[in-house]
């Protein structure tokens, strides 16, 4: 029978490879058991994970072989992914329950599936140690096959090494967090607990992957540090950080606290503890406190907290116009803001904000226009405070 061009090319490629000393796998010959049965007696499932790759003959032999081999590697990754999600769901639910019951952590407010999806998105399924153990070309089907294998023991050892390194780093950060909390430095404790959690997040999926590769659960010691224990510690640190917010609001038409309430709400949404220290500021004004020293601020009767957010926001009438027979009053708001660390006496932020038309608001009455402008200023200032607080904590790293 006359050879086809593809068969002649295949033989030529083999001869060239042999001449160059390159190992050549059998792309033809007897049909291997793994092609017909999907498993290989030479690579038993208890010791190996196998993936069978396929690629149609397109006439580009080198590319087709590579496609088949990559397909085999990807199949191993696919097997792991399917089992991994189930393993993670069980693991995350158990750890969340532990954190909720033992540490009263807020971590359970996130759904288990949401957490699992986040972890799955970060898991890298490109494992080391996957090799192409055998190949085969089916002339009748005109299809290339490749057998990818991964030795479970080798892959598990690589994962254990990665996990151990990350656990050691996380333990160091967690210990620094505990030391900071004992020293009443809750902000620094929070930063270190967050670092510890970041390290552990990287191995959450890897530990579940280890269980999948070994084909059995991998128990975690009860005293082992977990993402959820870090979350519980972060909750504790957050509870220890107390903010005091006092914004003196100038509303020409009425007494209001629109800007202050917006800032307080923003901080509480971030999980921070905001103290009610209204009595400490009774009879004071921004004029009397704006230029006060930190020592004077700290000496205010009844003032309790770690951080003082002090400022003023003034709504001013900018213009008036008639719309038909109805008057429209327009107001703008400007503000000043200080953030003071009451523990160490440092002024962390001291800025003035003038948003111009961003806070401009027109209404048929002065009181409504002023309140509308102050509400807009509150939104902007609450965002500024959140950013400043994040920058303050980041600077502690």
Protein backbone atom coordinates (compact mmCIF):
# COMPACT_ATOMS: atom_id res chain seq x y z
CA UNK A 1 0.00 0.00 0.00
CA UNK A 2 1.32 3.40 -0.94
CA UNK A 3 2.26 5.60 2.02
CA UNK A 4 0.44 8.88 2.47
CA UNK A 5 2.33 12.15 2.67
CA UNK A 6 1.47 12.39 6.40
CA UNK A 7 2.86 8.91 7.10
CA UNK A 8 6.06 9.65 5.18
CA UNK A 9 6.40 12.91 7.14
CA UNK A 10 5.87 11.05 10.40
CA UNK A 11 8.61 8.53 9.61
CA UNK A 12 10.95 11.31 8.54
CA UNK A 13 10.32 13.18 11.82
CA UNK A 14 11.13 10.03 13.80
CA UNK A 15 14.36 9.45 11.86
CA UNK A 16 15.45 13.06 12.36
CA UNK A 17 14.70 12.86 16.09
CA UNK A 18 16.69 9.64 16.42
CA UNK A 19 19.61 11.15 14.52
CA UNK A 20 19.63 14.08 16.94
CA UNK A 21 19.45 11.81 19.97
CA UNK A 22 15.95 12.97 20.96
CA UNK A 23 13.80 10.31 22.71
CA UNK A 24 10.86 9.30 20.52
CA UNK A 25 7.59 7.96 21.89
CA UNK A 26 5.48 5.57 19.88
CA UNK A 27 2.98 7.53 17.82
CA UNK A 28 1.87 4.35 16.03
CA UNK A 29 1.80 0.60 16.56
CA UNK A 30 -0.32 -1.49 18.93
CA UNK A 31 -3.21 0.35 20.53
CA UNK A 32 -2.29 0.99 24.19
CA UNK A 33 -4.68 0.00 26.97
CA UNK A 34 -5.11 3.61 28.08
CA UNK A 35 -6.49 4.59 24.65
CA UNK A 36 -9.12 1.86 24.61
CA UNK A 37 -9.91 1.65 28.32
CA UNK A 38 -9.11 5.12 29.63
CA UNK A 39 -6.68 3.75 32.24
CA UNK A 40 -3.15 2.38 32.23
CA UNK A 41 -2.04 -0.72 34.10
CA UNK A 42 1.44 0.78 34.22
CA UNK A 43 0.16 3.86 36.06
CA UNK A 44 -2.38 2.68 38.66
CA UNK A 45 -4.88 5.25 39.97
CA UNK A 46 -3.78 4.88 43.59
CA UNK A 47 -0.32 6.20 42.67
CA UNK A 48 -0.95 8.37 39.62
CA UNK A 49 -3.43 10.79 38.16
CA UNK A 50 -3.69 10.39 34.40
CA UNK A 51 -5.10 12.53 31.65
CA UNK A 52 -5.70 11.42 28.07
CA UNK A 53 -5.21 14.14 25.49
CA UNK A 54 -6.51 14.08 21.93
CA UNK A 55 -5.91 16.10 18.79
CA UNK A 56 -7.12 15.67 15.22
CA UNK A 57 -4.55 15.42 12.45
CA UNK A 58 -4.50 18.82 10.76
CA UNK A 59 -1.40 18.12 8.71
CA UNK A 60 0.89 19.97 11.12
CA UNK A 61 2.36 17.04 13.01
CA UNK A 62 4.43 18.99 15.52
CA UNK A 63 1.54 21.25 16.46
CA UNK A 64 -0.94 18.35 16.61
CA UNK A 65 1.28 16.37 18.97
CA UNK A 66 1.73 19.42 21.18
CA UNK A 67 -2.04 19.96 21.23
CA UNK A 68 -2.64 16.36 22.30
CA UNK A 69 -0.04 16.62 25.07
CA UNK A 70 -1.44 19.90 26.38
CA UNK A 71 -4.92 18.39 26.28
CA UNK A 72 -3.72 15.52 28.49
CA UNK A 73 -2.20 17.90 31.02
CA UNK A 74 -5.37 19.99 31.04
CA UNK A 75 -7.48 16.91 31.69
CA UNK A 76 -5.59 16.26 34.92
CA UNK A 77 -6.24 19.85 35.94
CA UNK A 78 -9.91 19.42 35.08
CA UNK A 79 -10.21 16.33 37.26
CA UNK A 80 -8.68 18.23 40.16
CA UNK A 81 -10.96 21.24 39.65
CA UNK A 82 -14.15 19.14 39.74
CA UNK A 83 -13.17 17.43 43.00
CA UNK A 84 -11.60 20.57 44.44
CA UNK A 85 -14.80 22.62 44.53
CA UNK A 86 -16.63 19.90 46.46
CA UNK A 87 -13.74 19.50 48.92
CA UNK A 88 -13.48 23.26 49.43
CA UNK A 89 -17.20 23.66 50.07
CA UNK A 90 -17.07 21.16 52.93
CA UNK A 91 -13.83 22.59 54.31
CA UNK A 92 -14.93 26.24 54.21
CA UNK A 93 -18.30 25.49 55.81
CA UNK A 94 -16.61 23.66 58.69
CA UNK A 95 -14.03 26.42 59.25
CA UNK A 96 -16.67 29.16 59.12
CA UNK A 97 -18.75 27.28 61.69
CA UNK A 98 -15.69 26.97 63.93
CA UNK A 99 -14.90 30.68 63.64
CA UNK A 100 -18.51 31.61 64.35
CA UNK A 101 -18.99 29.37 67.39
CA UNK A 102 -15.53 29.56 68.97
CA UNK A 103 -14.57 33.13 68.18
CA UNK A 104 -17.89 34.79 67.32
CA UNK A 105 -16.33 35.92 64.07
CA UNK A 106 -18.24 38.00 61.52
CA UNK A 107 -16.75 35.84 58.77
CA UNK A 108 -19.95 33.80 58.48
CA UNK A 109 -21.77 36.81 57.05
CA UNK A 110 -20.27 35.82 53.67
CA UNK A 111 -21.91 32.84 52.03
CA UNK A 112 -19.91 29.62 51.83
CA UNK A 113 -20.29 29.43 48.05
CA UNK A 114 -19.12 33.03 47.67
CA UNK A 115 -15.95 32.25 49.61
CA UNK A 116 -15.39 29.04 47.63
CA UNK A 117 -15.79 30.91 44.34
CA UNK A 118 -13.20 33.48 45.44
CA UNK A 119 -10.71 30.76 46.35
CA UNK A 120 -11.33 28.80 43.15
CA UNK A 121 -10.66 31.93 41.11
CA UNK A 122 -7.23 32.24 42.74
CA UNK A 123 -6.19 28.58 42.59
CA UNK A 124 -3.45 27.83 40.10
CA UNK A 125 -4.01 24.34 38.69
CA UNK A 126 -0.70 24.28 36.80
CA UNK A 127 1.03 21.58 38.82
CA UNK A 128 4.65 20.57 38.61
CA UNK A 129 5.55 16.99 37.82
CA UNK A 130 3.11 16.25 34.98
CA UNK A 131 4.89 14.30 32.26
CA UNK A 132 3.89 12.73 28.95
CA UNK A 133 4.36 9.01 29.54
CA UNK A 134 3.12 7.64 26.22
CA UNK A 135 1.68 8.68 22.87
CA UNK A 136 -0.25 7.01 20.07
CA UNK A 137 -1.50 7.89 16.60
CA UNK A 138 -4.68 6.24 15.34
CA UNK A 139 -4.42 6.09 11.55
CA UNK A 140 -8.05 5.19 11.07
CA UNK A 141 -9.33 8.03 13.23
CA UNK A 142 -6.51 10.32 12.10
CA UNK A 143 -6.14 11.38 15.71
CA UNK A 144 -3.19 11.82 18.06
CA UNK A 145 -3.37 10.61 21.66
CA UNK A 146 -1.12 11.53 24.59
CA UNK A 147 -1.02 10.03 28.07
CA UNK A 148 -0.19 12.64 30.73
CA UNK A 149 0.68 11.31 34.17
CA UNK A 150 1.31 12.90 37.53
CA UNK A 151 2.72 10.94 40.42
CA UNK A 152 0.55 11.71 43.44
CA UNK A 153 3.42 11.46 45.93
CA UNK A 154 5.66 13.93 44.07
CA UNK A 155 2.85 16.44 43.55
CA UNK A 156 1.82 16.13 47.20
CA UNK A 157 5.39 16.74 48.39
CA UNK A 158 5.60 19.92 46.29
CA UNK A 159 2.31 21.18 47.73
CA UNK A 160 3.35 20.37 51.30
CA UNK A 161 6.53 22.41 50.86
CA UNK A 162 4.59 25.42 49.55
CA UNK A 163 2.00 25.13 52.33
CA UNK A 164 4.66 24.85 55.06
CA UNK A 165 6.43 28.01 53.86
CA UNK A 166 3.20 30.02 53.80
CA UNK A 167 2.11 28.71 57.20
CA UNK A 168 5.43 29.73 58.71
CA UNK A 169 5.09 33.26 57.29
CA UNK A 170 1.48 33.51 58.47
CA UNK A 171 2.42 32.36 61.95
CA UNK A 172 5.07 35.07 62.17
CA UNK A 173 2.63 37.82 61.20
CA UNK A 174 -0.03 36.47 63.56
CA UNK A 175 2.45 36.47 66.45
CA UNK A 176 3.37 40.09 65.69
CA UNK A 177 -0.33 40.91 65.69
CA UNK A 178 -0.80 39.34 69.12
CA UNK A 179 2.18 41.27 70.49
CA UNK A 180 0.82 44.53 69.12
CA UNK A 181 -2.62 43.87 70.60
CA UNK A 182 -1.09 43.18 74.03
CA UNK A 183 0.73 46.50 73.71
CA UNK A 184 -2.65 48.18 73.01
CA UNK A 185 -1.60 48.96 69.44
CA UNK A 186 -4.76 47.66 67.78
CA UNK A 187 -4.11 49.30 64.36
CA UNK A 188 -0.75 47.56 64.01
CA UNK A 189 -2.31 44.32 65.24
CA UNK A 190 -4.99 44.61 62.56
CA UNK A 191 -2.37 45.11 59.83
CA UNK A 192 -0.41 42.02 60.91
CA UNK A 193 -3.52 39.85 61.22
CA UNK A 194 -4.42 40.92 57.69
CA UNK A 195 -0.95 39.92 56.45
CA UNK A 196 -1.33 36.54 58.12
CA UNK A 197 -4.71 36.04 56.50
CA UNK A 198 -3.32 36.98 53.08
CA UNK A 199 -0.67 34.27 53.40
CA UNK A 200 -3.26 31.68 54.42
CA UNK A 201 -5.65 32.59 51.61
CA UNK A 202 -2.91 31.52 49.20
CA UNK A 203 -2.85 28.00 50.68
CA UNK A 204 -6.57 27.51 51.34
CA UNK A 205 -7.03 26.10 47.85
CA UNK A 206 -3.68 24.30 47.92
CA UNK A 207 -4.58 22.37 51.07
CA UNK A 208 -7.85 21.27 49.51
CA UNK A 209 -5.94 20.33 46.35
CA UNK A 210 -3.59 18.22 48.46
CA UNK A 211 -6.58 16.23 49.73
CA UNK A 212 -7.80 15.72 46.16
CA UNK A 213 -4.40 14.53 44.93
CA UNK A 214 -3.94 12.14 47.85
CA UNK A 215 -7.50 10.90 47.44
CA UNK A 216 -8.28 11.30 51.14
CA UNK A 217 -9.01 14.08 53.64
CA UNK A 218 -6.00 15.87 55.08
CA UNK A 219 -6.87 16.70 58.69
CA UNK A 220 -5.83 20.09 60.02
CA UNK A 221 -4.84 20.24 63.68
CA UNK A 222 -7.36 22.05 65.88
CA UNK A 223 -4.68 24.53 66.95
CA UNK A 224 -3.58 25.25 63.36
CA UNK A 225 -3.91 28.83 62.17
CA UNK A 226 -6.65 29.31 59.57
CA UNK A 227 -8.13 32.13 57.52
CA UNK A 228 -11.09 32.21 59.86
CA UNK A 229 -9.01 32.43 63.04
CA UNK A 230 -7.26 35.40 61.45
CA UNK A 231 -10.67 36.90 60.68
CA UNK A 232 -11.71 36.45 64.30
CA UNK A 233 -8.51 38.18 65.45
CA UNK A 234 -9.13 41.01 62.98
CA UNK A 235 -12.66 41.41 64.35
CA UNK A 236 -11.21 41.66 67.85
CA UNK A 237 -8.66 44.26 66.74
CA UNK A 238 -11.35 46.26 64.96
CA UNK A 239 -13.47 46.25 68.10
CA UNK A 240 -10.47 47.61 69.99
CA UNK A 241 -10.01 50.55 67.60
CA UNK A 242 -12.34 53.34 68.65
CA UNK A 243 -13.05 56.40 66.55
CA UNK A 244 -14.51 59.65 67.80
CA UNK A 245 -16.17 61.85 65.17
CA UNK A 246 -17.03 65.48 65.78
CA UNK A 247 -17.96 67.64 62.81
CA UNK A 248 -19.21 71.12 63.61
CA UNK A 249 -21.83 71.76 60.96
CA UNK A 250 -22.89 75.24 59.88
CA UNK A 251 -26.38 75.09 58.45
CA UNK A 252 -27.86 78.61 58.11
CA UNK A 253 -31.41 77.41 58.55
CA UNK A 254 -31.31 74.71 61.21
CA UNK A 255 -29.12 72.63 63.51
CA UNK A 256 -27.99 69.46 61.74
CA UNK A 257 -25.34 66.72 61.76
CA UNK A 258 -25.63 65.43 58.19
CA UNK A 259 -21.89 65.32 57.45
CA UNK A 260 -21.00 63.77 60.80
CA UNK A 261 -23.65 61.06 60.40
CA UNK A 262 -22.35 60.22 56.91
CA UNK A 263 -18.79 59.78 58.22
CA UNK A 264 -19.94 57.65 61.15
CA UNK A 265 -22.02 55.43 58.87
CA UNK A 266 -19.07 54.98 56.48
CA UNK A 267 -16.73 53.93 59.30
CA UNK A 268 -19.24 51.51 60.78
CA UNK A 269 -19.79 49.91 57.39
CA UNK A 270 -16.05 49.19 57.38
CA UNK A 271 -16.44 47.47 60.74
CA UNK A 272 -14.95 50.22 62.92
CA UNK A 273 -16.21 51.07 66.38
CA UNK A 274 -17.38 54.70 66.61
CA UNK A 275 -17.82 56.10 70.11
CA UNK A 276 -20.54 58.50 71.19
CA UNK A 277 -18.59 61.33 72.82
CA UNK A 278 -21.06 64.16 72.33
CA UNK A 279 -20.71 65.24 75.97
CA UNK A 280 -16.97 65.87 75.53
CA UNK A 281 -17.66 68.55 72.91
CA UNK A 282 -20.57 70.29 74.59
CA UNK A 283 -19.98 74.04 74.69
CA UNK A 284 -17.07 73.89 72.21
CA UNK A 285 -16.73 74.95 68.58
CA UNK A 286 -14.37 74.36 65.70
CA UNK A 287 -12.95 77.83 66.24
CA UNK A 288 -11.94 76.85 69.77
CA UNK A 289 -10.69 73.35 68.92
CA UNK A 290 -9.38 73.69 65.37
CA UNK A 291 -6.08 75.19 66.51
CA UNK A 292 -5.92 73.34 69.83
CA UNK A 293 -2.86 71.23 70.55
CA UNK A 294 -3.15 67.46 70.71
CA UNK A 295 -2.58 67.64 74.46
CA UNK A 296 -5.54 70.00 74.80
CA UNK A 297 -7.73 67.72 72.69
CA UNK A 298 -6.74 64.67 74.72
CA UNK A 299 -7.64 66.49 77.92
CA UNK A 300 -11.27 67.07 76.92
CA UNK A 301 -13.44 65.69 79.77
CA UNK A 302 -14.88 62.27 78.93
CA UNK A 303 -13.10 61.91 75.58
CA UNK A 304 -12.47 58.20 74.94
CA UNK A 305 -11.06 56.71 71.77
CA UNK A 306 -7.94 56.03 69.70
CA UNK A 307 -8.60 58.34 66.76
CA UNK A 308 -10.34 61.71 66.73
CA UNK A 309 -11.88 62.92 63.47
CA UNK A 310 -12.48 66.62 63.97
CA UNK A 311 -13.73 69.11 61.43
CA UNK A 312 -16.27 71.62 60.30
CA UNK A 313 -18.57 71.82 57.29
CA UNK A 314 -20.23 75.08 56.31
CA UNK A 315 -23.02 75.47 53.79
CA UNK A 316 -23.08 78.90 52.16
CA UNK A 317 -25.56 80.47 49.80
CA UNK A 318 -23.88 80.97 46.44
CA UNK A 319 -26.69 82.36 44.30
CA UNK A 320 -30.41 82.87 43.86
CA UNK A 321 -32.50 82.89 40.75
CA UNK A 322 -36.15 82.95 39.75
CA UNK A 323 -37.62 80.06 37.80
CA UNK A 324 -40.85 81.57 36.65
CA UNK A 325 -42.43 82.91 39.81
CA UNK A 326 -40.60 80.44 42.08
CA UNK A 327 -37.28 81.35 43.71
CA UNK A 328 -34.39 78.85 43.65
CA UNK A 329 -31.65 79.08 46.26
CA UNK A 330 -28.23 77.54 45.59
CA UNK A 331 -25.79 76.48 48.31
CA UNK A 332 -22.19 75.20 48.30
CA UNK A 333 -20.32 73.50 51.15
CA UNK A 334 -16.66 73.66 52.16
CA UNK A 335 -15.02 71.70 54.98
CA UNK A 336 -11.89 71.26 57.07
CA UNK A 337 -10.78 67.96 58.54
CA UNK A 338 -8.28 66.70 61.09
CA UNK A 339 -7.52 63.10 62.06
CA UNK A 340 -5.60 62.82 65.32
CA UNK A 341 -4.07 59.70 66.85
CA UNK A 342 -4.98 60.19 70.50
CA UNK A 343 -2.68 57.35 71.59
CA UNK A 344 0.59 58.80 70.30
CA UNK A 345 -0.45 62.43 69.88
CA UNK A 346 0.23 62.64 66.13
CA UNK A 347 -1.88 64.70 63.73
CA UNK A 348 -2.29 62.35 60.77
CA UNK A 349 -4.48 64.49 58.51
CA UNK A 350 -5.03 68.25 58.42
CA UNK A 351 -6.72 69.33 55.20
CA UNK A 352 -9.28 71.73 53.78
CA UNK A 353 -11.79 70.61 51.16
CA UNK A 354 -13.60 72.86 48.71
CA UNK A 355 -15.65 70.80 46.27
CA UNK A 356 -17.07 73.71 44.30
CA UNK A 357 -19.99 72.69 42.12
CA UNK A 358 -19.87 69.09 43.40
CA UNK A 359 -21.83 70.14 46.48
CA UNK A 360 -23.92 72.76 44.72
CA UNK A 361 -27.60 72.22 45.27
CA UNK A 362 -30.63 74.32 44.34
CA UNK A 363 -33.99 74.15 46.09
CA UNK A 364 -37.05 76.40 46.44
CA UNK A 365 -36.15 77.11 50.08
CA UNK A 366 -32.88 77.98 51.81
CA UNK A 367 -33.11 75.26 54.46
CA UNK A 368 -33.67 72.52 51.88
CA UNK A 369 -30.87 73.82 49.64
CA UNK A 370 -28.42 74.03 52.55
CA UNK A 371 -29.31 70.54 53.78
CA UNK A 372 -29.02 69.12 50.27
CA UNK A 373 -25.54 70.64 49.86
CA UNK A 374 -24.42 69.32 53.25
CA UNK A 375 -25.67 65.83 52.37
CA UNK A 376 -23.56 65.86 49.21
CA UNK A 377 -20.58 67.12 51.19
CA UNK A 378 -21.15 64.30 53.68
CA UNK A 379 -20.88 61.72 50.90
CA UNK A 380 -17.59 63.18 49.66
CA UNK A 381 -16.13 63.62 53.13
CA UNK A 382 -17.11 60.10 54.23
CA UNK A 383 -15.27 58.75 51.20
CA UNK A 384 -12.23 60.92 52.00
CA UNK A 385 -12.17 59.71 55.60
CA UNK A 386 -12.35 56.05 54.53
CA UNK A 387 -9.44 56.57 52.13
CA UNK A 388 -7.40 58.39 54.76
CA UNK A 389 -8.00 55.67 57.35
CA UNK A 390 -6.92 52.99 54.86
CA UNK A 391 -3.76 55.00 54.09
CA UNK A 392 -3.03 55.37 57.81
CA UNK A 393 -3.26 51.63 58.40
CA UNK A 394 -1.30 50.85 55.25
CA UNK A 395 1.52 53.08 56.48
CA UNK A 396 1.87 50.77 59.49
CA UNK A 397 2.97 47.85 57.28
